[in-house]
Amino acid sequence: MALYRDEGVVLRTAKLGEADRIITLLTRSHGKVRAVAKGVRRSKSRFGGRLEPFMRADLLIAQGRSLDVISQAESLAAYAAPISADFEAYSAANVIAETADKLVAAENERTGAQYRLLVGALNALAKHAHAPRLISASYVMRALSLAGWTPRLSSCVVCGGTDAAFFSVPDGGAMCANDHTTQSHRVAQPTLCQLEALLNGDWAALQGVTEPLPETSRIVEDWAEYYLERPLRSLRIS
């Protein structure tokens, strides 16, 4: 089998047989990878806790016909422990991991920018840099923006006017009173401002905020569901 080395973040795991697991990773150079970690569920596994969700590891992987096989794993950043110790952070991390998993659909396609964004979000959660729900909301909007789905927030998507008072997910963002469609709904200016701060990662503008406004959370959820073409289940329970 051909071998390759890469670093990756564990997005999710699934049991395989009596002692193995299928590990879904987002890697720096190979995009999304699904690989088998043999014997990882045994108490004396050589992998220890290095292949748990939210862990970042340096990996040696053997290419397989259907699934690759993880030969070695060395921890680079143990995000899992501090995240799992805080329920809000753990809930936010699940939103982030699910978004990354669904957004990067194809396997073995390089997605360096998405990988860096994922690492930054989990690092911020582990260090409690900001409120967990703000981190996950910002990650969802920025990850979708990287994929090509960036909402217009500061001006109307139709005429470009700056007096936007409505928002439409299908139409791509903010709309003015004259041009808004039947699919739009009225939105408060603080919501648009908060969405823009989350989209740009402007943490100075979010200083002192402990969680997104209810309307902001609804738009983030709707935006993700519409463009991913499926709901984020972890977002509904976070």
Foldseek 3Di string as FASTA:
>chain_A
DDKDKWKWAFLAWADDPDAKIWTWTQTQFFGIATAIEGRNRPPPRPCPCQRHHGWIWIWMWADDDPHIYTDDTHGDDDLPVLQVVDPLSVLLSNLLSLLSPLVRPDGRDHDNVLRVLSNVLSVCSSVVVAASQLSSLLSLQQNVVVVPQHADQQAALPPRHRQFFKFALVSRTTHHPVDDDPRIDGDDNVLSVSNVCSPVVVVVVVPPPNHHDPVNLVVSQVNSCVVSVHGSVSSVVD
